[in-house]
Amino acid sequence: MFSRKRGGPRHVRPDDTPQSSALAQSMGDLPPAPDFGPWDSTQAPGGVQRLDLGSLLIPAVEGVEVRVQANPEGGVEQIVLVHGNSALQLGVFAAPRSEGIWDEVRDEIAGAMKADGAAPREVEGPYGTELAARVQTPDGPADVRFVGVDGPRWMVRALFQGLAAADPAQEGVLGECLRGLVVVRDNEARPVREALPLRLPREMSEAAEQHAHDHEDPTPPDAPPHQEMPGANGRHAH
């Protein structure tokens, strides 16, 4: 088990300007590497096959299905790992260099769930304080469990659903994926809580392009070119 400092404001401060990894290490800005991930890319162990999604590298674990939802521009909007009756949704966000934000984020999630009639409770886990609840969904009541991990200038938010949410002992390979996750924080100064950029892996992007090409409706030579109506392909705001 390990802990990280948490809490902090939501604005960009001058001292949040990133440094090079070598300089940060030499100045002692990075904490000692934890025993397990999510790891910062400067501290992650090598020799592991991982799926490259840009700011997140997901370890390849047998039996885990990776579901990625992307917008028309190829930007990834949602990552969900599925195994059996459990799912793990992952998100990664910018944070201050010296302070974590999970405590603040957790309080806001709890407030939102209470407003919806749920009764969230705090539980202790390998990463510190987690948030668990039973919520109402269109398919009926469902268990959820939020885990937050504060890293150097980033925060991972993990949402367990299904059996892994009801009983943490049933995380299995999804917990293994979280422990093997790697965050690649870019060198951009970003507002606190801004979602770090994610992208489709090359293999997925090529497969999606080929699928779209195979299912294109041929346009007759004398027909006017097709034009999308404004807003037809909406994007989710982060």
C-alpha atoms as a PDB file:
ATOM      1  CA  MET A   1       0.000   0.000   0.000  1.00  0.00           C
ATOM      2  CA  PHE A   2       1.120   3.552  -0.635  1.00  0.00           C
ATOM      3  CA  SER A   3      -0.311   7.006  -0.319  1.00  0.00           C
ATOM      4  CA  ARG A   4       0.068  10.288  -2.151  1.00  0.00           C
ATOM      5  CA  LYS A   5      -0.596  13.864  -1.055  1.00  0.00           C
ATOM      6  CA  ARG A   6      -4.061  14.979  -2.023  1.00  0.00           C
ATOM      7  CA  GLY A   7      -6.240  18.071  -2.283  1.00  0.00           C
ATOM      8  CA  GLY A   8      -5.651  21.253  -4.254  1.00  0.00           C
ATOM      9  CA  PRO A   9      -7.127  24.104  -6.298  1.00  0.00           C
ATOM     10  CA  ARG A  10      -8.589  23.915  -9.769  1.00  0.00           C
ATOM     11  CA  HIS A  11      -6.532  26.557 -11.559  1.00  0.00           C
ATOM     12  CA  VAL A  12      -3.198  26.524 -13.319  1.00  0.00           C
ATOM     13  CA  ARG A  13      -0.422  27.988 -11.217  1.00  0.00           C
ATOM     14  CA  PRO A  14       2.975  29.188 -12.505  1.00  0.00           C
ATOM     15  CA  ASP A  15       4.759  26.420 -10.627  1.00  0.00           C
ATOM     16  CA  ASP A  16       2.708  23.834 -12.523  1.00  0.00           C
ATOM     17  CA  THR A  17       4.830  24.448 -15.618  1.00  0.00           C
ATOM     18  CA  PRO A  18       6.294  21.020 -16.403  1.00  0.00           C
ATOM     19  CA  GLN A  19       9.952  20.120 -16.209  1.00  0.00           C
ATOM     20  CA  SER A  20      11.860  17.486 -18.094  1.00  0.00           C
ATOM     21  CA  SER A  21      11.825  14.040 -16.479  1.00  0.00           C
ATOM     22  CA  ALA A  22      15.584  14.160 -15.879  1.00  0.00           C
ATOM     23  CA  LEU A  23      15.398  17.571 -14.211  1.00  0.00           C
ATOM     24  CA  ALA A  24      12.418  16.567 -12.096  1.00  0.00           C
ATOM     25  CA  GLN A  25      14.226  13.469 -10.902  1.00  0.00           C
ATOM     26  CA  SER A  26      17.394  15.418 -10.095  1.00  0.00           C
ATOM     27  CA  MET A  27      15.449  17.974  -8.060  1.00  0.00           C
ATOM     28  CA  GLY A  28      13.574  15.299  -6.184  1.00  0.00           C
ATOM     29  CA  ASP A  29      10.135  16.373  -7.449  1.00  0.00           C
ATOM     30  CA  LEU A  30       8.998  12.830  -8.206  1.00  0.00           C
ATOM     31  CA  PRO A  31       8.108  10.618  -5.238  1.00  0.00           C
ATOM     32  CA  PRO A  32       9.703   7.194  -4.887  1.00  0.00           C
ATOM     33  CA  ALA A  33       8.228   4.682  -7.317  1.00  0.00           C
ATOM     34  CA  PRO A  34       5.322   2.766  -5.715  1.00  0.00           C
ATOM     35  CA  ASP A  35       5.280  -0.996  -5.458  1.00  0.00           C
ATOM     36  CA  PHE A  36       2.499  -1.180  -8.051  1.00  0.00           C
ATOM     37  CA  GLY A  37       0.761   1.115 -10.524  1.00  0.00           C
ATOM     38  CA  PRO A  38      -0.719   3.183 -11.854  1.00  0.00           C
ATOM     39  CA  TRP A  39       2.822   4.341 -12.552  1.00  0.00           C
ATOM     40  CA  ASP A  40       4.135   7.553 -14.025  1.00  0.00           C
ATOM     41  CA  SER A  41       5.881   6.790 -17.310  1.00  0.00           C
ATOM     42  CA  THR A  42       9.202   7.900 -15.797  1.00  0.00           C
ATOM     43  CA  GLN A  43       8.940   5.139 -13.175  1.00  0.00           C
ATOM     44  CA  ALA A  44       7.133   2.303 -14.951  1.00  0.00           C
ATOM     45  CA  PRO A  45       8.871  -1.078 -15.229  1.00  0.00           C
ATOM     46  CA  GLY A  46       9.871  -2.201 -18.708  1.00  0.00           C
ATOM     47  CA  GLY A  47       9.361  -5.463 -20.513  1.00  0.00           C
ATOM     48  CA  VAL A  48       5.542  -5.308 -20.353  1.00  0.00           C
ATOM     49  CA  GLN A  49       3.269  -5.413 -23.394  1.00  0.00           C
ATOM     50  CA  ARG A  50       0.866  -2.477 -23.212  1.00  0.00           C
ATOM     51  CA  LEU A  51      -1.858  -0.992 -25.401  1.00  0.00           C
ATOM     52  CA  ASP A  52      -0.868   2.589 -26.280  1.00  0.00           C
ATOM     53  CA  LEU A  53      -3.793   5.008 -25.892  1.00  0.00           C
ATOM     54  CA  GLY A  54      -1.705   8.143 -25.671  1.00  0.00           C
ATOM     55  CA  SER A  55      -1.795   9.353 -22.076  1.00  0.00           C
ATOM     56  CA  LEU A  56      -2.654   5.852 -20.844  1.00  0.00           C
ATOM     57  CA  LEU A  57      -0.795   2.619 -21.487  1.00  0.00           C
ATOM     58  CA  ILE A  58      -2.948  -0.371 -20.576  1.00  0.00           C
ATOM     59  CA  PRO A  59      -1.242  -3.686 -19.850  1.00  0.00           C
ATOM     60  CA  ALA A  60      -2.273  -6.552 -22.090  1.00  0.00           C
ATOM     61  CA  VAL A  61      -3.962  -9.035 -19.750  1.00  0.00           C
ATOM     62  CA  GLU A  62      -5.432 -12.256 -21.093  1.00  0.00           C
ATOM     63  CA  GLY A  63      -9.213 -12.380 -21.009  1.00  0.00           C
ATOM     64  CA  VAL A  64      -9.743  -8.616 -20.669  1.00  0.00           C
ATOM     65  CA  GLU A  65     -11.713  -6.899 -23.435  1.00  0.00           C
ATOM     66  CA  VAL A  66     -10.787  -3.253 -24.075  1.00  0.00           C
ATOM     67  CA  ARG A  67     -13.718  -1.183 -25.329  1.00  0.00           C
ATOM     68  CA  VAL A  68     -12.845   2.269 -26.665  1.00  0.00           C
ATOM     69  CA  GLN A  69     -15.335   4.957 -27.702  1.00  0.00           C
ATOM     70  CA  ALA A  70     -13.902   7.620 -30.003  1.00  0.00           C
ATOM     71  CA  ASN A  71     -15.242  10.750 -31.645  1.00  0.00           C
ATOM     72  CA  PRO A  72     -15.100  11.318 -35.423  1.00  0.00           C
ATOM     73  CA  GLU A  73     -11.710  13.015 -35.069  1.00  0.00           C
ATOM     74  CA  GLY A  74     -10.216   9.911 -33.474  1.00  0.00           C
ATOM     75  CA  GLY A  75     -10.047  11.318 -29.954  1.00  0.00           C
ATOM     76  CA  VAL A  76     -10.888   8.737 -27.303  1.00  0.00           C
ATOM     77  CA  GLU A  77     -13.796   9.701 -25.059  1.00  0.00           C
ATOM     78  CA  GLN A  78     -14.261   6.552 -23.007  1.00  0.00           C
ATOM     79  CA  ILE A  79     -12.186   3.496 -22.066  1.00  0.00           C
ATOM     80  CA  VAL A  80     -13.856   0.492 -20.464  1.00  0.00           C
ATOM     81  CA  LEU A  81     -12.196  -2.813 -19.619  1.00  0.00           C
ATOM     82  CA  VAL A  82     -14.541  -5.785 -19.359  1.00  0.00           C
ATOM     83  CA  HIS A  83     -14.048  -9.210 -17.838  1.00  0.00           C
ATOM     84  CA  GLY A  84     -16.916 -11.546 -16.984  1.00  0.00           C
ATOM     85  CA  ASN A  85     -19.546  -9.732 -14.908  1.00  0.00           C
ATOM     86  CA  SER A  86     -17.259  -6.812 -14.062  1.00  0.00           C
ATOM     87  CA  ALA A  87     -16.148  -3.637 -15.817  1.00  0.00           C
ATOM     88  CA  LEU A  88     -13.540  -0.966 -15.165  1.00  0.00           C
ATOM     89  CA  GLN A  89     -13.877   2.514 -16.672  1.00  0.00           C
ATOM     90  CA  LEU A  90     -10.694   4.597 -16.749  1.00  0.00           C
ATOM     91  CA  GLY A  91     -10.065   8.325 -16.933  1.00  0.00           C
ATOM     92  CA  VAL A  92      -6.914  10.411 -16.469  1.00  0.00           C
ATOM     93  CA  PHE A  93      -6.765  14.124 -15.657  1.00  0.00           C
ATOM     94  CA  ALA A  94      -4.254  16.920 -15.144  1.00  0.00           C
ATOM     95  CA  ALA A  95      -3.323  17.784 -11.555  1.00  0.00           C
ATOM     96  CA  PRO A  96      -0.877  20.110  -9.773  1.00  0.00           C
ATOM     97  CA  ARG A  97       2.683  18.933  -9.486  1.00  0.00           C
ATOM     98  CA  SER A  98       2.821  18.988  -5.690  1.00  0.00           C
ATOM     99  CA  GLU A  99      -0.782  18.286  -4.617  1.00  0.00           C
ATOM    100  CA  GLY A 100      -3.361  15.609  -5.323  1.00  0.00           C
ATOM    101  CA  ILE A 101      -7.012  16.252  -6.171  1.00  0.00           C
ATOM    102  CA  TRP A 102      -8.717  12.925  -5.404  1.00  0.00           C
ATOM    103  CA  ASP A 103     -10.092  14.053  -2.017  1.00  0.00           C
ATOM    104  CA  GLU A 104     -11.833  16.998  -3.647  1.00  0.00           C
ATOM    105  CA  VAL A 105     -13.065  14.987  -6.624  1.00  0.00           C
ATOM    106  CA  ARG A 106     -14.346  12.226  -4.338  1.00  0.00           C
ATOM    107  CA  ASP A 107     -16.370  14.704  -2.279  1.00  0.00           C
ATOM    108  CA  GLU A 108     -17.996  16.067  -5.431  1.00  0.00           C
ATOM    109  CA  ILE A 109     -18.841  12.573  -6.716  1.00  0.00           C
ATOM    110  CA  ALA A 110     -20.399  11.739  -3.341  1.00  0.00           C
ATOM    111  CA  GLY A 111     -22.454  14.942  -3.413  1.00  0.00           C
ATOM    112  CA  ALA A 112     -23.746  14.183  -6.896  1.00  0.00           C
ATOM    113  CA  MET A 113     -24.744  10.642  -5.909  1.00  0.00           C
ATOM    114  CA  LYS A 114     -26.544  11.896  -2.790  1.00  0.00           C
ATOM    115  CA  ALA A 115     -28.455  14.374  -4.935  1.00  0.00           C
ATOM    116  CA  ASP A 116     -29.595  11.420  -7.059  1.00  0.00           C
ATOM    117  CA  GLY A 117     -30.828   9.554  -3.997  1.00  0.00           C
ATOM    118  CA  ALA A 118     -27.877   7.190  -3.514  1.00  0.00           C
ATOM    119  CA  ALA A 119     -26.063   6.635  -0.217  1.00  0.00           C
ATOM    120  CA  PRO A 120     -22.320   6.625  -0.981  1.00  0.00           C
ATOM    121  CA  ARG A 121     -19.909   5.340   1.648  1.00  0.00           C
ATOM    122  CA  GLU A 122     -16.175   5.702   2.007  1.00  0.00           C
ATOM    123  CA  VAL A 123     -14.107   2.526   2.242  1.00  0.00           C
ATOM    124  CA  GLU A 124     -10.381   1.997   2.547  1.00  0.00           C
ATOM    125  CA  GLY A 125      -8.500   0.209  -0.214  1.00  0.00           C
ATOM    126  CA  PRO A 126      -4.955  -0.255  -1.512  1.00  0.00           C
ATOM    127  CA  TYR A 127      -4.904   3.305  -2.860  1.00  0.00           C
ATOM    128  CA  GLY A 128      -6.488   4.973   0.154  1.00  0.00           C
ATOM    129  CA  THR A 129     -10.093   6.137   0.470  1.00  0.00           C
ATOM    130  CA  GLU A 130     -12.514   4.812  -2.134  1.00  0.00           C
ATOM    131  CA  LEU A 131     -16.179   5.602  -2.709  1.00  0.00           C
ATOM    132  CA  ALA A 132     -18.798   2.855  -3.029  1.00  0.00           C
ATOM    133  CA  ALA A 133     -22.541   3.005  -3.586  1.00  0.00           C
ATOM    134  CA  ARG A 134     -25.545   1.305  -5.082  1.00  0.00           C
ATOM    135  CA  VAL A 135     -27.087   3.508  -7.748  1.00  0.00           C
ATOM    136  CA  GLN A 136     -30.199   3.347  -9.874  1.00  0.00           C
ATOM    137  CA  THR A 137     -29.750   2.704 -13.589  1.00  0.00           C
ATOM    138  CA  PRO A 138     -32.229   2.141 -16.447  1.00  0.00           C
ATOM    139  CA  ASP A 139     -31.606  -1.589 -15.908  1.00  0.00           C
ATOM    140  CA  GLY A 140     -32.174  -1.446 -12.158  1.00  0.00           C
ATOM    141  CA  PRO A 141     -29.914  -0.963  -9.119  1.00  0.00           C
ATOM    142  CA  ALA A 142     -26.181  -1.443  -9.695  1.00  0.00           C
ATOM    143  CA  ASP A 143     -23.061  -1.380  -7.542  1.00  0.00           C
ATOM    144  CA  VAL A 144     -20.293   1.115  -8.345  1.00  0.00           C
ATOM    145  CA  ARG A 145     -16.940   1.827  -6.719  1.00  0.00           C
ATOM    146  CA  PHE A 146     -14.703   4.809  -7.475  1.00  0.00           C
ATOM    147  CA  VAL A 147     -10.948   4.597  -6.943  1.00  0.00           C
ATOM    148  CA  GLY A 148      -8.707   7.621  -7.284  1.00  0.00           C
ATOM    149  CA  VAL A 149      -4.925   7.612  -7.647  1.00  0.00           C
ATOM    150  CA  ASP A 150      -2.954  10.847  -7.386  1.00  0.00           C
ATOM    151  CA  GLY A 151       0.311  10.896  -9.313  1.00  0.00           C
ATOM    152  CA  PRO A 152       2.864  13.554 -10.277  1.00  0.00           C
ATOM    153  CA  ARG A 153       0.766  16.094 -12.235  1.00  0.00           C
ATOM    154  CA  TRP A 154      -2.015  13.588 -12.968  1.00  0.00           C
ATOM    155  CA  MET A 155      -4.914  11.750 -11.365  1.00  0.00           C
ATOM    156  CA  VAL A 156      -6.403   8.444 -12.487  1.00  0.00           C
ATOM    157  CA  ARG A 157     -10.091   7.915 -11.784  1.00  0.00           C
ATOM    158  CA  ALA A 158     -11.139   4.275 -11.953  1.00  0.00           C
ATOM    159  CA  LEU A 159     -14.781   3.208 -11.795  1.00  0.00           C
ATOM    160  CA  PHE A 160     -15.465  -0.443 -11.013  1.00  0.00           C
ATOM    161  CA  GLN A 161     -18.900  -1.780 -11.941  1.00  0.00           C
ATOM    162  CA  GLY A 162     -20.623  -5.100 -11.438  1.00  0.00           C
ATOM    163  CA  LEU A 163     -19.176  -7.851  -9.291  1.00  0.00           C
ATOM    164  CA  ALA A 164     -15.830  -6.066  -8.834  1.00  0.00           C
ATOM    165  CA  ALA A 165     -17.693  -3.078  -7.385  1.00  0.00           C
ATOM    166  CA  ALA A 166     -19.821  -5.105  -4.981  1.00  0.00           C
ATOM    167  CA  ASP A 167     -16.842  -7.120  -3.730  1.00  0.00           C
ATOM    168  CA  PRO A 168     -13.299  -5.725  -4.190  1.00  0.00           C
ATOM    169  CA  ALA A 169     -11.943  -9.230  -3.649  1.00  0.00           C
ATOM    170  CA  GLN A 170     -13.486 -10.086  -7.039  1.00  0.00           C
ATOM    171  CA  GLU A 171     -11.480  -7.512  -9.009  1.00  0.00           C
ATOM    172  CA  GLY A 172      -9.312 -10.256 -10.469  1.00  0.00           C
ATOM    173  CA  VAL A 173      -7.641  -9.333 -13.743  1.00  0.00           C
ATOM    174  CA  LEU A 174      -9.295  -5.895 -13.805  1.00  0.00           C
ATOM    175  CA  GLY A 175      -7.443  -5.027 -10.618  1.00  0.00           C
ATOM    176  CA  GLU A 176      -4.325  -6.354 -12.295  1.00  0.00           C
ATOM    177  CA  CYS A 177      -4.904  -3.937 -15.177  1.00  0.00           C
ATOM    178  CA  LEU A 178      -5.197  -0.999 -12.795  1.00  0.00           C
ATOM    179  CA  ARG A 179      -2.043  -2.013 -10.953  1.00  0.00           C
ATOM    180  CA  GLY A 180      -0.196  -2.238 -14.267  1.00  0.00           C
ATOM    181  CA  LEU A 181      -1.499   1.028 -15.747  1.00  0.00           C
ATOM    182  CA  VAL A 182       1.023   3.641 -16.928  1.00  0.00           C
ATOM    183  CA  VAL A 183       0.294   7.373 -17.272  1.00  0.00           C
ATOM    184  CA  VAL A 184       2.188   9.358 -19.913  1.00  0.00           C
ATOM    185  CA  ARG A 185       1.879  13.002 -18.863  1.00  0.00           C
ATOM    186  CA  ASP A 186       2.743  15.376 -21.698  1.00  0.00           C
ATOM    187  CA  ASN A 187       4.780  18.560 -21.259  1.00  0.00           C
ATOM    188  CA  GLU A 188       1.820  20.911 -21.713  1.00  0.00           C
ATOM    189  CA  ALA A 189       0.718  23.157 -18.845  1.00  0.00           C
ATOM    190  CA  ARG A 190      -2.944  22.180 -18.494  1.00  0.00           C
ATOM    191  CA  PRO A 191      -5.788  23.383 -16.283  1.00  0.00           C
ATOM    192  CA  VAL A 192      -6.301  21.188 -13.247  1.00  0.00           C
ATOM    193  CA  ARG A 193      -8.866  18.424 -13.974  1.00  0.00           C
ATOM    194  CA  GLU A 194      -8.572  18.736 -17.744  1.00  0.00           C
ATOM    195  CA  ALA A 195      -8.755  15.294 -19.323  1.00  0.00           C
ATOM    196  CA  LEU A 196      -5.371  14.263 -20.661  1.00  0.00           C
ATOM    197  CA  PRO A 197      -5.415  13.501 -24.402  1.00  0.00           C
ATOM    198  CA  LEU A 198      -6.186   9.953 -25.438  1.00  0.00           C
ATOM    199  CA  ARG A 199      -6.106   8.426 -28.898  1.00  0.00           C
ATOM    200  CA  LEU A 200      -6.971   5.217 -30.644  1.00  0.00           C
ATOM    201  CA  PRO A 201      -4.102   2.748 -30.952  1.00  0.00           C
ATOM    202  CA  ARG A 202      -2.821   2.508 -34.514  1.00  0.00           C
ATOM    203  CA  GLU A 203      -4.264  -0.977 -34.928  1.00  0.00           C
ATOM    204  CA  MET A 204      -7.741   0.128 -33.802  1.00  0.00           C
ATOM    205  CA  SER A 205      -7.616   3.295 -35.903  1.00  0.00           C
ATOM    206  CA  GLU A 206      -6.695   1.374 -39.046  1.00  0.00           C
ATOM    207  CA  ALA A 207      -9.402  -1.211 -38.380  1.00  0.00           C
ATOM    208  CA  ALA A 208     -12.008   1.535 -37.872  1.00  0.00           C
ATOM    209  CA  GLU A 209     -10.977   3.269 -41.109  1.00  0.00           C
ATOM    210  CA  GLN A 210     -11.166   0.002 -43.022  1.00  0.00           C
ATOM    211  CA  HIS A 211     -14.600  -0.765 -41.530  1.00  0.00           C
ATOM    212  CA  ALA A 212     -15.892   2.686 -42.504  1.00  0.00           C
ATOM    213  CA  HIS A 213     -14.497   2.281 -46.018  1.00  0.00           C
ATOM    214  CA  ASP A 214     -16.082  -1.152 -46.430  1.00  0.00           C
ATOM    215  CA  HIS A 215     -19.493   0.203 -45.390  1.00  0.00           C
ATOM    216  CA  GLU A 216     -19.509   3.415 -47.419  1.00  0.00           C
ATOM    217  CA  ASP A 217     -22.603   3.987 -49.557  1.00  0.00           C
ATOM    218  CA  PRO A 218     -21.437   4.638 -53.128  1.00  0.00           C
ATOM    219  CA  THR A 219     -22.643   8.006 -54.455  1.00  0.00           C
ATOM    220  CA  PRO A 220     -23.968   8.007 -58.030  1.00  0.00           C
ATOM    221  CA  PRO A 221     -21.735  10.051 -60.369  1.00  0.00           C
ATOM    222  CA  ASP A 222     -24.515  12.566 -61.153  1.00  0.00           C
ATOM    223  CA  ALA A 223     -25.666  13.012 -57.553  1.00  0.00           C
ATOM    224  CA  PRO A 224     -24.704  16.142 -55.623  1.00  0.00           C
ATOM    225  CA  PRO A 225     -22.090  15.657 -52.911  1.00  0.00           C
ATOM    226  CA  HIS A 226     -23.415  14.714 -49.479  1.00  0.00           C
ATOM    227  CA  GLN A 227     -23.158  17.397 -46.820  1.00  0.00           C
ATOM    228  CA  GLU A 228     -23.528  16.810 -43.078  1.00  0.00           C
ATOM    229  CA  MET A 229     -25.948  19.030 -41.208  1.00  0.00           C
ATOM    230  CA  PRO A 230     -24.248  21.136 -38.525  1.00  0.00           C
ATOM    231  CA  GLY A 231     -24.089  19.276 -35.243  1.00  0.00           C
ATOM    232  CA  ALA A 232     -24.806  15.890 -36.770  1.00  0.00           C
ATOM    233  CA  ASN A 233     -21.685  14.414 -35.236  1.00  0.00           C
ATOM    234  CA  GLY A 234     -21.685  15.857 -31.748  1.00  0.00           C
ATOM    235  CA  ARG A 235     -18.788  15.580 -29.314  1.00  0.00           C
ATOM    236  CA  HIS A 236     -18.880  15.129 -25.576  1.00  0.00           C
ATOM    237  CA  ALA A 237     -17.288  17.997 -23.677  1.00  0.00           C
ATOM    238  CA  HIS A 238     -14.746  17.160 -20.967  1.00  0.00           C
END
